[in-house]
Protein backbone atom coordinates (compact mmCIF):
# COMPACT_ATOMS: atom_id res chain seq x y z
CA LEU A 1 0.00 0.00 0.00
CA ILE A 2 1.10 3.58 -0.65
CA SER A 3 1.24 5.80 2.41
CA SER A 4 -0.05 9.37 2.22
CA SER A 5 3.53 10.67 2.52
CA ALA A 6 4.71 8.43 -0.32
CA LEU A 7 1.80 9.57 -2.46
CA ARG A 8 2.75 13.20 -1.77
CA ARG A 9 6.31 12.42 -2.84
CA CYS A 10 5.03 10.93 -6.09
CA ARG A 11 3.19 14.15 -6.81
CA ALA A 12 6.11 16.37 -5.85
CA PRO A 13 8.67 17.77 -8.32
CA GLY A 14 11.34 15.57 -6.83
CA ALA A 15 9.40 12.38 -7.57
CA ALA A 16 11.77 11.53 -10.41
CA ARG A 17 14.57 11.12 -7.87
CA LEU A 18 12.89 8.07 -6.34
CA ALA A 19 14.89 4.85 -6.57
CA PRO A 20 14.87 3.18 -10.02
CA CYS A 21 13.01 0.18 -8.62
CA TRP A 22 10.16 2.50 -7.54
CA ALA A 23 9.79 5.44 -9.87
CA PRO A 24 6.14 5.58 -10.95
CA THR A 25 4.50 8.66 -12.40
CA ALA A 26 1.94 10.54 -10.36
CA THR A 27 -0.79 8.95 -12.46
CA ALA A 28 0.51 5.48 -11.70
CA CYS A 29 0.72 6.31 -7.99
CA LEU A 30 -2.86 7.52 -7.99
CA ARG A 31 -3.99 4.41 -9.84
CA VAL A 32 -2.31 2.11 -7.32
CA ALA A 33 -3.72 4.17 -4.45
CA LEU A 34 -7.21 3.96 -5.90
CA ARG A 35 -6.93 0.21 -6.40
CA SER A 36 -5.53 -0.21 -2.89
CA LYS A 37 -8.39 1.77 -1.41
CA ALA A 38 -10.88 -0.23 -3.46
CA SER A 39 -9.43 -3.67 -2.76
CA SER A 40 -9.37 -5.98 0.19
CA SER A 41 -9.39 -9.72 0.78
CA ASN A 42 -13.17 -9.39 1.12
CA LYS A 43 -14.47 -8.04 -2.19
CA VAL A 44 -18.17 -8.51 -1.47
CA CYS A 45 -20.14 -5.30 -0.90
CA ALA A 46 -23.45 -5.20 0.96
CA SER A 47 -25.28 -3.32 -1.78
CA ALA A 48 -24.97 -1.70 -5.18
CA ASP A 49 -25.16 1.72 -3.51
CA GLU A 50 -22.18 0.89 -1.31
CA ALA A 51 -20.22 -0.42 -4.29
CA VAL A 52 -20.59 2.82 -6.31
CA ALA A 53 -20.37 5.22 -3.35
CA ASP A 54 -17.01 6.73 -4.37
CA ILE A 55 -17.75 7.28 -8.07
CA PRO A 56 -17.28 11.06 -8.48
CA ASP A 57 -18.64 13.59 -10.93
CA GLY A 58 -16.68 13.51 -14.20
CA ALA A 59 -15.66 9.85 -13.89
CA THR A 60 -15.13 7.60 -16.91
CA LEU A 61 -17.27 4.47 -16.66
CA LEU A 62 -16.66 1.35 -18.77
CA VAL A 63 -20.00 -0.41 -18.96
CA GLY A 64 -20.38 -4.00 -20.12
CA GLY A 65 -23.23 -5.41 -22.17
CA PHE A 66 -24.47 -5.69 -25.74
CA GLY A 67 -27.88 -4.16 -26.28
CA LEU A 68 -29.64 -5.16 -23.06
CA CYS A 69 -27.86 -8.51 -22.78
CA GLY A 70 -25.36 -8.73 -19.94
CA ILE A 71 -25.83 -5.18 -18.65
CA PRO A 72 -25.19 -4.36 -14.96
CA GLU A 73 -28.79 -3.41 -14.14
CA ASN A 74 -28.39 -2.92 -10.39
CA LEU A 75 -25.15 -0.93 -10.59
CA LEU A 76 -26.56 1.44 -13.23
CA MET A 77 -29.63 2.10 -11.07
CA ALA A 78 -27.32 2.81 -8.12
CA VAL A 79 -25.33 5.32 -10.20
CA GLN A 80 -28.61 6.98 -11.18
CA ARG A 81 -29.64 7.23 -7.52
CA LYS A 82 -26.25 8.65 -6.54
CA GLY A 83 -26.82 11.47 -9.01
CA VAL A 84 -23.23 11.89 -10.24
CA ARG A 85 -22.98 13.98 -13.41
CA GLN A 86 -20.64 14.87 -16.27
CA LEU A 87 -19.87 11.19 -16.79
CA THR A 88 -18.08 9.71 -19.77
CA ALA A 89 -19.65 6.33 -20.54
CA VAL A 90 -17.81 3.81 -22.71
CA SER A 91 -20.19 1.10 -23.87
CA ASN A 92 -21.09 -0.60 -27.14
CA ASN A 93 -24.46 1.15 -27.01
CA ALA A 94 -26.71 2.86 -24.48
CA GLY A 95 -29.56 0.44 -23.94
CA VAL A 96 -33.04 1.79 -24.68
CA ASP A 97 -34.76 4.98 -23.60
CA ASP A 98 -35.93 3.69 -20.20
CA PHE A 99 -33.51 0.87 -19.39
CA GLY A 100 -29.79 0.32 -18.90
CA LEU A 101 -27.56 3.29 -19.72
CA GLY A 102 -30.64 4.89 -21.25
CA LYS A 103 -31.73 5.80 -17.69
CA LEU A 104 -28.56 7.86 -17.16
CA LEU A 105 -29.08 9.57 -20.52
CA LYS A 106 -32.65 10.38 -19.56
CA THR A 107 -31.50 12.12 -16.37
CA LYS A 108 -28.69 13.80 -18.34
CA GLN A 109 -25.94 12.44 -16.09
CA ILE A 110 -23.78 11.54 -19.10
CA LYS A 111 -21.66 14.17 -20.83
CA ARG A 112 -20.02 11.93 -23.45
CA MET A 113 -20.81 8.51 -24.91
CA ILE A 114 -18.09 6.44 -26.60
CA SER A 115 -20.04 3.80 -28.50
CA SER A 116 -20.35 1.93 -31.77
CA TYR A 117 -24.11 1.84 -32.09
CA VAL A 118 -27.00 4.17 -31.24
CA GLY A 119 -29.56 1.59 -32.30
CA GLU A 120 -33.10 1.90 -31.01
CA ASN A 121 -32.39 4.53 -28.32
CA LYS A 122 -34.33 7.52 -29.64
CA ASN A 123 -33.31 9.73 -26.69
CA PHE A 124 -29.62 8.99 -27.36
CA GLU A 125 -30.01 10.04 -31.01
CA ALA A 126 -32.10 13.11 -30.15
CA GLN A 127 -29.67 14.43 -27.51
CA TYR A 128 -26.81 14.09 -29.98
CA LEU A 129 -28.64 15.77 -32.88
CA ASN A 130 -29.84 18.55 -30.54
CA GLY A 131 -26.28 19.33 -29.42
CA GLU A 132 -26.86 18.19 -25.82
CA LEU A 133 -24.56 15.15 -25.81
CA GLU A 134 -21.03 14.39 -26.98
CA VAL A 135 -20.95 11.16 -28.99
CA GLU A 136 -17.72 9.53 -30.14
CA LEU A 137 -18.80 6.82 -32.56
CA THR A 138 -16.19 4.06 -32.83
CA PRO A 139 -16.27 0.84 -34.88
CA GLN A 140 -17.35 -2.01 -32.64
CA GLY A 141 -14.23 -4.12 -33.11
CA THR A 142 -12.00 -1.09 -32.64
CA LEU A 143 -13.87 -0.28 -29.42
CA ALA A 144 -13.35 -3.82 -28.13
CA GLU A 145 -9.66 -3.76 -29.05
CA ARG A 146 -9.14 -0.30 -27.54
CA LEU A 147 -10.49 -1.67 -24.26
CA ARG A 148 -8.47 -4.88 -24.53
CA ALA A 149 -5.31 -2.86 -25.27
CA GLY A 150 -6.00 -0.54 -22.34
CA GLY A 151 -6.27 -3.48 -19.97
CA ALA A 152 -3.04 -4.96 -21.35
CA GLY A 153 -0.99 -1.76 -21.01
CA ILE A 154 -0.72 -1.20 -24.77
CA PRO A 155 -1.15 2.52 -25.50
CA ALA A 156 -2.10 2.28 -29.19
CA PHE A 157 -2.34 -0.06 -32.18
CA PHE A 158 -2.84 0.04 -35.95
CA THR A 159 -5.89 -1.37 -37.72
CA ARG A 160 -7.29 -1.41 -41.25
CA THR A 161 -10.76 -0.69 -39.86
CA ALA A 162 -12.06 2.77 -40.89
CA TYR A 163 -9.13 3.50 -43.20
CA GLY A 164 -10.36 5.86 -45.93
CA THR A 165 -13.43 7.00 -43.94
CA ILE A 166 -14.37 10.13 -41.98
CA ILE A 167 -13.07 8.37 -38.86
CA GLN A 168 -9.56 8.50 -40.32
CA GLU A 169 -10.03 12.03 -41.66
CA GLY A 170 -11.32 13.48 -38.38
CA LYS A 171 -14.57 14.67 -39.96
CA ASN A 172 -17.05 13.01 -37.63
CA VAL A 173 -19.09 15.40 -35.48
CA ILE A 174 -18.76 14.62 -31.77
CA LYS A 175 -20.94 17.50 -30.57
CA TYR A 176 -23.15 19.96 -32.38
CA GLY A 177 -23.26 23.60 -31.30
CA PRO A 178 -26.28 25.71 -30.27
CA GLY A 179 -29.27 24.79 -32.35
CA GLY A 180 -28.06 21.25 -32.82
CA ALA A 181 -27.58 19.64 -36.22
CA LYS A 182 -30.21 21.93 -37.76
CA GLY A 183 -28.20 24.97 -36.61
CA GLY A 184 -25.25 23.77 -38.65
CA GLU A 185 -22.61 24.70 -36.05
CA VAL A 186 -20.11 22.11 -34.82
CA ALA A 187 -18.77 22.44 -31.28
CA ILE A 188 -16.45 19.41 -31.22
CA MET A 189 -15.06 17.52 -34.20
CA SER A 190 -13.26 14.19 -34.02
CA GLU A 191 -9.49 14.07 -34.30
CA PRO A 192 -7.85 12.69 -37.46
CA ARG A 193 -6.02 9.38 -37.08
CA GLU A 194 -2.39 8.82 -37.92
CA ALA A 195 -2.13 6.60 -41.01
CA ARG A 196 0.66 4.24 -42.07
CA GLU A 197 1.19 1.65 -44.72
CA PHE A 198 2.15 -1.94 -43.88
CA ASP A 199 2.76 -4.48 -46.63
CA GLY A 200 1.15 -2.19 -49.17
CA ARG A 201 -2.09 -1.64 -47.23
CA GLY A 202 -3.36 1.36 -45.31
CA TYR A 203 -3.84 1.32 -41.52
CA ILE A 204 -4.84 3.91 -38.93
CA MET A 205 -3.69 4.26 -35.34
CA GLU A 206 -6.19 3.97 -32.50
CA ARG A 207 -5.50 4.89 -28.88
CA ALA A 208 -6.29 2.47 -26.06
CA ILE A 209 -9.14 3.19 -23.64
CA THR A 210 -8.92 2.96 -19.86
CA GLY A 211 -11.48 4.08 -17.29
CA ASP A 212 -11.88 5.00 -13.68
CA PHE A 213 -14.53 2.37 -12.96
CA ALA A 214 -15.90 -0.63 -14.84
CA LEU A 215 -19.47 -1.72 -14.20
CA VAL A 216 -19.89 -5.29 -15.41
CA LYS A 217 -22.39 -8.12 -15.11
CA ALA A 218 -21.50 -11.82 -14.85
CA TRP A 219 -23.49 -14.93 -14.03
CA LYS A 220 -21.47 -16.27 -11.12
CA ALA A 221 -18.48 -15.29 -8.99
CA ASP A 222 -16.55 -16.64 -6.06
CA GLU A 223 -15.55 -14.45 -3.12
CA ARG A 224 -12.14 -13.79 -4.68
CA GLY A 225 -13.71 -12.12 -7.70
CA ASN A 226 -13.26 -14.89 -10.26
CA LEU A 227 -16.07 -14.46 -12.81
CA VAL A 228 -18.07 -16.84 -14.99
CA TRP A 229 -20.48 -15.83 -17.76
CA ARG A 230 -23.18 -17.74 -19.56
CA GLY A 231 -24.33 -17.35 -23.16
CA THR A 232 -23.71 -14.17 -25.10
CA ALA A 233 -23.90 -12.09 -21.92
CA ARG A 234 -20.09 -12.15 -21.85
CA ASN A 235 -19.68 -9.72 -24.82
CA PHE A 236 -17.86 -6.51 -23.71
CA ASN A 237 -17.87 -7.33 -19.99
CA PRO A 238 -14.38 -8.91 -19.65
CA ASP A 239 -12.81 -6.21 -21.86
CA CYS A 240 -14.34 -3.44 -19.73
CA ALA A 241 -13.28 -5.17 -16.50
CA ARG A 242 -9.62 -5.38 -17.53
CA ALA A 243 -9.36 -1.75 -18.65
CA ALA A 244 -10.58 -0.05 -15.46
CA LYS A 245 -8.75 1.14 -12.38
CA VAL A 246 -11.59 -0.30 -10.28
CA CYS A 247 -13.90 -3.02 -11.55
CA ILE A 248 -17.26 -3.47 -9.85
CA ALA A 249 -19.01 -6.68 -10.84
CA GLU A 250 -22.59 -7.66 -10.16
CA VAL A 251 -23.50 -11.32 -10.40
CA GLU A 252 -26.50 -13.57 -9.88
CA GLU A 253 -24.70 -15.86 -7.46
CA ILE A 254 -21.63 -15.59 -5.22
CA VAL A 255 -20.07 -18.87 -4.09
CA PRO A 256 -17.26 -19.55 -1.59
CA ALA A 257 -13.67 -19.49 -2.84
CA GLY A 258 -12.76 -22.91 -4.15
CA SER A 259 -16.27 -23.68 -5.39
CA LEU A 260 -15.32 -22.86 -8.99
CA SER A 261 -12.97 -25.10 -10.88
CA PRO A 262 -9.99 -23.06 -12.19
CA ASP A 263 -10.87 -24.40 -15.65
CA GLU A 264 -14.29 -22.72 -15.66
CA VAL A 265 -13.13 -19.21 -14.67
CA HIS A 266 -13.53 -16.77 -17.57
CA LEU A 267 -11.98 -13.73 -15.83
CA PRO A 268 -9.47 -14.04 -12.96
CA GLY A 269 -10.25 -12.14 -9.79
CA ILE A 270 -7.13 -9.95 -10.14
CA TYR A 271 -9.21 -7.74 -12.42
CA VAL A 272 -12.15 -7.38 -9.99
CA GLN A 273 -12.08 -5.14 -6.92
CA ARG A 274 -15.71 -5.24 -5.75
CA LEU A 275 -18.62 -7.66 -5.97
CA ILE A 276 -22.33 -7.47 -5.37
CA ARG A 277 -25.08 -10.01 -5.70
CA GLY A 278 -27.69 -8.38 -7.89
CA GLU A 279 -31.35 -8.52 -7.02
CA GLY A 280 -34.55 -8.52 -9.03
CA TYR A 281 -33.09 -8.89 -12.51
CA GLU A 282 -35.49 -7.82 -15.22
CA LYS A 283 -33.29 -9.10 -18.07
CA ARG A 284 -35.36 -7.27 -20.61
CA ILE A 285 -35.26 -8.63 -24.18
CA GLU A 286 -35.15 -6.14 -27.06
CA LYS A 287 -36.35 -8.48 -29.81
CA ARG A 288 -38.17 -11.56 -28.62
CA THR A 289 -37.97 -13.56 -31.85
CA LEU A 290 -39.60 -16.98 -31.91
CA SER A 291 -39.56 -19.96 -34.23
CA SER A 292 -42.85 -20.50 -36.06
CA GLY A 293 -42.40 -24.23 -35.61
CA SER A 294 -43.47 -24.91 -39.18
CA GLY A 295 -40.27 -23.71 -40.81
CA ASP A 296 -42.27 -21.54 -43.21
CA ILE A 297 -40.99 -18.00 -43.85
CA LYS A 298 -43.28 -15.33 -45.25
CA ILE A 299 -41.36 -12.81 -47.30
CA ASP A 300 -41.86 -10.45 -50.22
CA PRO A 301 -41.03 -12.28 -53.50
CA ARG A 302 -38.50 -9.62 -54.56
CA ARG A 303 -36.62 -9.96 -51.30
CA GLU A 304 -36.82 -13.73 -51.47
CA LEU A 305 -35.05 -13.63 -54.85
CA ILE A 306 -32.23 -11.57 -53.32
CA ILE A 307 -31.90 -13.85 -50.30
CA ARG A 308 -32.01 -17.09 -52.30
CA ARG A 309 -29.33 -15.77 -54.67
CA ALA A 310 -27.13 -14.75 -51.74
CA ALA A 311 -27.52 -18.20 -50.18
CA ALA A 312 -26.22 -19.73 -53.42
CA GLU A 313 -22.87 -18.02 -52.70
CA LEU A 314 -22.30 -20.17 -49.63
CA THR A 315 -20.49 -23.50 -49.73
CA ASP A 316 -20.09 -26.27 -47.21
CA GLY A 317 -17.86 -25.47 -44.21
CA MET A 318 -17.83 -21.69 -44.61
CA TYR A 319 -17.74 -19.35 -41.62
CA VAL A 320 -20.21 -16.54 -42.34
CA ASN A 321 -21.22 -13.28 -40.68
CA LEU A 322 -24.73 -12.05 -41.47
CA GLY A 323 -25.65 -8.41 -40.89
CA ILE A 324 -28.96 -7.35 -39.39
CA GLY A 325 -32.14 -7.13 -41.46
CA MET A 326 -32.41 -9.01 -44.76
CA PRO A 327 -29.02 -10.78 -44.41
CA THR A 328 -30.21 -12.69 -41.32
CA LEU A 329 -32.63 -14.67 -43.50
CA VAL A 330 -29.93 -16.01 -45.85
CA SER A 331 -29.13 -19.03 -43.67
CA ASN A 332 -32.70 -20.31 -44.15
CA TYR A 333 -32.06 -20.85 -47.87
CA THR A 334 -28.70 -22.63 -47.99
CA PRO A 335 -28.63 -25.49 -50.54
CA PRO A 336 -29.13 -29.09 -49.32
CA GLY A 337 -25.93 -30.62 -47.99
CA VAL A 338 -24.37 -27.23 -47.23
CA ARG A 339 -23.54 -26.62 -43.56
CA ILE A 340 -22.21 -23.20 -42.63
CA GLU A 341 -21.15 -21.77 -39.27
CA LEU A 342 -22.68 -18.39 -38.49
CA GLN A 343 -20.50 -15.96 -36.54
CA SER A 344 -22.17 -13.28 -34.43
CA GLU A 345 -19.95 -10.38 -33.39
CA ASN A 346 -21.40 -10.28 -29.87
CA GLY A 347 -19.59 -13.54 -29.08
CA LEU A 348 -21.15 -16.66 -30.62
CA LEU A 349 -19.93 -19.03 -33.31
CA GLY A 350 -22.59 -21.50 -34.40
CA ILE A 351 -25.93 -19.70 -34.28
CA GLY A 352 -28.94 -21.97 -34.07
CA PRO A 353 -32.57 -21.32 -35.05
CA TYR A 354 -34.90 -18.94 -33.27
CA PRO A 355 -36.17 -20.46 -29.99
CA THR A 356 -39.62 -21.68 -29.11
CA GLU A 357 -41.35 -19.80 -26.31
CA ALA A 358 -40.10 -22.40 -23.84
CA GLU A 359 -36.50 -22.00 -25.05
CA VAL A 360 -36.27 -18.19 -24.83
CA ASP A 361 -33.23 -17.13 -22.79
CA ALA A 362 -32.28 -13.47 -22.32
CA ASP A 363 -28.60 -14.47 -22.16
CA TYR A 364 -28.66 -15.79 -25.74
CA ILE A 365 -29.07 -13.17 -28.48
CA ASN A 366 -27.54 -12.48 -31.89
CA ALA A 367 -25.98 -9.24 -33.15
CA GLY A 368 -29.45 -8.02 -34.16
CA LYS A 369 -30.56 -8.35 -30.49
CA GLU A 370 -32.85 -11.24 -31.43
CA THR A 371 -33.30 -14.28 -29.20
CA ILE A 372 -31.51 -17.33 -30.62
CA THR A 373 -30.33 -20.84 -29.74
CA THR A 374 -27.05 -22.69 -30.20
CA ILE A 375 -26.21 -25.84 -32.16
CA PRO A 376 -23.90 -28.80 -31.46
CA GLY A 377 -20.37 -27.46 -31.75
CA SER A 378 -21.20 -23.83 -30.88
CA SER A 379 -18.69 -21.75 -28.92
CA LEU A 380 -18.92 -18.55 -26.87
CA PHE A 381 -16.35 -15.80 -26.33
CA SER A 382 -15.80 -12.10 -25.60
CA SER A 383 -16.24 -9.19 -28.00
CA SER A 384 -12.48 -8.70 -28.41
CA ASP A 385 -12.07 -12.39 -29.30
CA SER A 386 -14.95 -12.11 -31.75
CA PHE A 387 -13.38 -9.22 -33.62
CA ALA A 388 -9.98 -10.89 -33.58
CA MET A 389 -11.65 -13.57 -35.70
CA ILE A 390 -13.06 -10.88 -37.99
CA ARG A 391 -10.01 -8.62 -38.27
CA GLY A 392 -7.77 -11.65 -38.62
CA SER A 393 -9.75 -12.71 -41.72
CA HIS A 394 -10.95 -16.01 -40.25
CA VAL A 395 -14.52 -15.29 -41.42
CA ASP A 396 -14.97 -16.38 -45.04
CA VAL A 397 -17.99 -14.29 -46.10
CA THR A 398 -19.71 -11.16 -44.79
CA ILE A 399 -23.26 -10.41 -45.99
CA LEU A 400 -24.72 -7.02 -45.11
CA GLY A 401 -27.08 -4.33 -46.32
CA ALA A 402 -26.31 -0.87 -47.69
CA MET A 403 -27.68 2.60 -48.22
CA GLU A 404 -25.32 3.25 -51.13
CA VAL A 405 -22.76 1.30 -53.18
CA ALA A 406 -20.40 3.15 -55.55
CA ALA A 407 -19.03 2.01 -58.90
CA ASN A 408 -15.59 1.45 -57.35
CA GLY A 409 -16.94 -0.75 -54.54
CA ASP A 410 -17.23 1.93 -51.85
CA LEU A 411 -19.90 1.17 -49.25
CA ALA A 412 -22.05 3.54 -47.13
CA ASN A 413 -24.51 2.15 -44.61
CA TRP A 414 -24.18 3.77 -41.17
CA ILE A 415 -25.16 7.44 -41.02
CA ILE A 416 -27.03 10.27 -42.70
CA PRO A 417 -25.24 13.31 -41.22
CA GLY A 418 -27.50 15.59 -39.22
CA LYS A 419 -30.57 13.39 -39.75
CA MET A 420 -30.16 9.72 -38.94
CA VAL A 421 -27.49 8.31 -36.65
CA LYS A 422 -27.46 4.56 -36.08
CA GLY A 423 -23.71 4.04 -35.82
CA MET A 424 -21.43 1.71 -37.70
CA GLY A 425 -21.58 -1.19 -35.25
CA GLY A 426 -19.30 -3.94 -36.51
CA ALA A 427 -19.70 -3.17 -40.23
CA MET A 428 -16.44 -1.21 -40.62
CA ASP A 429 -14.47 -4.06 -39.06
CA LEU A 430 -16.18 -6.70 -41.19
CA VAL A 431 -15.64 -5.00 -44.54
CA SER A 432 -12.00 -4.09 -43.82
CA SER A 433 -11.00 -7.72 -43.31
CA ASP A 434 -10.12 -10.11 -46.12
CA SER A 435 -13.50 -11.85 -46.03
CA ARG A 436 -15.61 -11.76 -49.20
CA VAL A 437 -18.12 -8.90 -48.88
CA LEU A 438 -21.59 -9.42 -50.35
CA VAL A 439 -24.15 -6.62 -50.23
CA VAL A 440 -27.85 -7.53 -50.41
CA MET A 441 -30.29 -4.67 -50.91
CA GLU A 442 -33.24 -3.41 -52.88
CA HIS A 443 -32.09 -1.74 -56.10
CA LEU A 444 -33.76 1.64 -55.51
CA ALA A 445 -34.43 3.79 -52.47
CA LYS A 446 -37.72 5.52 -51.73
CA GLY A 447 -38.80 7.79 -54.56
CA ASN A 448 -36.91 5.56 -57.00
CA LYS A 449 -33.61 7.18 -56.04
CA HIS A 450 -30.40 5.43 -57.00
CA LYS A 451 -28.60 3.36 -54.38
CA LEU A 452 -26.04 2.12 -56.89
CA LYS A 453 -24.18 5.36 -57.66
CA GLN A 454 -21.04 6.61 -59.37
CA ARG A 455 -19.84 7.96 -56.01
CA CYS A 456 -21.36 7.56 -52.56
CA GLY A 457 -22.89 10.75 -51.24
CA LEU A 458 -22.96 9.47 -47.65
CA PRO A 459 -19.96 8.87 -45.34
CA LEU A 460 -18.23 5.60 -46.18
CA THR A 461 -18.27 2.41 -44.17
CA GLY A 462 -15.35 1.17 -46.24
CA ALA A 463 -13.44 2.20 -49.36
CA ARG A 464 -13.44 -0.27 -52.28
CA VAL A 465 -14.66 -3.16 -50.14
CA VAL A 466 -17.75 -4.58 -51.93
CA ASP A 467 -17.01 -7.71 -53.97
CA ARG A 468 -20.55 -8.43 -55.12
CA CYS A 469 -23.94 -6.69 -54.81
CA ILE A 470 -27.19 -8.64 -55.20
CA THR A 471 -30.49 -6.83 -55.80
CA GLU A 472 -33.90 -7.87 -57.10
CA MET A 473 -32.76 -6.74 -60.57
CA GLY A 474 -29.35 -8.33 -60.90
CA VAL A 475 -25.93 -9.32 -59.60
CA PHE A 476 -23.00 -6.86 -59.92
CA ASP A 477 -19.31 -7.66 -59.48
CA PHE A 478 -16.85 -4.92 -58.50
CA VAL A 479 -13.14 -4.33 -59.06
CA THR A 480 -11.65 -3.53 -55.65
CA THR A 481 -7.91 -3.61 -56.35
CA GLY A 482 -5.67 -1.86 -58.85
CA ALA A 483 -7.02 0.78 -61.18
CA GLU A 484 -10.71 1.59 -60.91
CA ALA A 485 -12.89 -0.07 -63.54
CA PRO A 486 -16.64 -0.24 -64.19
CA PRO A 487 -18.62 -2.96 -62.39
CA THR A 488 -19.93 -5.94 -64.34
CA LEU A 489 -23.55 -7.05 -64.45
CA ALA A 490 -22.97 -10.79 -64.05
CA GLU A 491 -26.60 -11.92 -63.78
CA ILE A 492 -30.02 -10.40 -64.45
CA ALA A 493 -33.35 -11.09 -62.73
CA PRO A 494 -35.81 -13.23 -64.71
CA ASP A 495 -38.55 -10.57 -64.68
CA THR A 496 -36.60 -7.52 -65.89
CA THR A 497 -34.72 -6.18 -68.92
CA LEU A 498 -31.26 -4.79 -69.47
CA ASP A 499 -32.73 -1.36 -70.27
CA ALA A 500 -34.65 -1.36 -66.99
CA VAL A 501 -31.47 -2.23 -65.06
CA ARG A 502 -29.57 0.59 -66.76
CA GLU A 503 -32.30 3.10 -65.91
CA ALA A 504 -32.34 2.04 -62.26
CA THR A 505 -28.55 2.12 -61.87
CA GLY A 506 -26.55 5.28 -61.26
CA PHE A 507 -23.30 4.14 -62.85
CA GLU A 508 -22.17 2.73 -66.18
CA PHE A 509 -21.47 -0.99 -66.11
CA ARG A 510 -20.20 -3.78 -68.31
CA VAL A 511 -22.40 -6.73 -69.22
CA ALA A 512 -21.12 -10.27 -68.82
CA GLU A 513 -21.04 -12.47 -71.90
CA PRO A 514 -23.06 -14.59 -71.65
CA LEU A 515 -25.40 -12.73 -69.24
CA LYS A 516 -26.87 -15.35 -66.92
CA THR A 517 -30.34 -15.31 -65.37
CA MET A 518 -30.47 -15.27 -61.56
CA LEU A 519 -31.21 -18.72 -60.12
CA ALA A 520 -31.84 -20.15 -63.59
CA ASN A 521 -30.45 -23.48 -62.40
């Protein structure tokens, strides 16, 4: 432990004259002092209010969870009751308007959110667009790795994710000025990232994230702070726990030390300073999605054509990531004899079908926040492990939707500046890997506006990343390396004409010879 006199010496100008074996910076001294104050051989607190009692105004909180799955419900309510303000909250998203971190947004206790996804939280989006909240949108995999790096003492790293986008350029609005987005004044703009080239490819540098306190939720703990998760509730929780000066964990059950086998511990107790047993878990489910039992899927015929054609791209043994919306249906149409493994970025490999009512479990959701099941051979892991699979190009195919696709393969699908802010989620990470990128979308937007354009008008998700785009009118292949070249119409829908495709497409394209008909075989 650091005595008060030693701590004063660390802060003093002469601190550098301390012996080489003990020459920490003032920041390091304060960190150790804070951990020492927060730690003891007995980590169990009597209540959530006691556990958060020393969180001050202006603290940085690292909050576990994905959507509403695995969020520290009791600790967040205790922070709300404490009334601390000017908080910086680092979390994948902010729950919903009246639950999870959404409660702290509602009471305006949060000054800045560092997140990847706004999602269905209308209050989150409104506060940002009205200039009331600072929002630092960060790709989901980058967020997980920034936390993992922070917990491992790595100050920064390089990644291909977001290279060539407004994230790299420093053109993302963090806070609007008076009058909000409609007023047109920007109060805080993001900082540009340092870029370097490795092996002929562009990368940007991202700084690690650390926090004052982590608020995490696990299933079970022993009295020494060893944590165990179940299902996809693990997600960002271990990464947040490692990156904080003080980690406060709430669990459903606390068992005596020695009750857990060392083999079943997911996070060692060295990372956890305080424990509480949570009470009255609501475990709210955002999208309670059930199996019909019959296996029948009702879908618009145009969309079914797109989905069936996308499914034909998949071969036996592939590892596949499916984006939210239309892509999630692709696995229902894989050809007979083809078994694929679906990867969900919130920490599941081997996604099973939707559950029956009796099988619904709030701890098992997919990246679209839908209830799901597992299959024989499934595996579960943290968010940082999930994106290591993605960034490391271990996923064979990524299928996702788009707002716009450009002639050179640029993709835009995450924001309409000043109007609609959903966040990029994991899309930037997925398209920057070496997996094959398939876009599935309707050919035209509302009002018959082009979605296939010469250049994207919206901020990019990735530059020259789309390999193939499948619409209800045709299949386009893109040139993503070397000199830019026009896309090729490889296949045409059975109920349309080449002239109709040209009229509905905002770029010039080549026509394959012979031009095949979609799903003719």
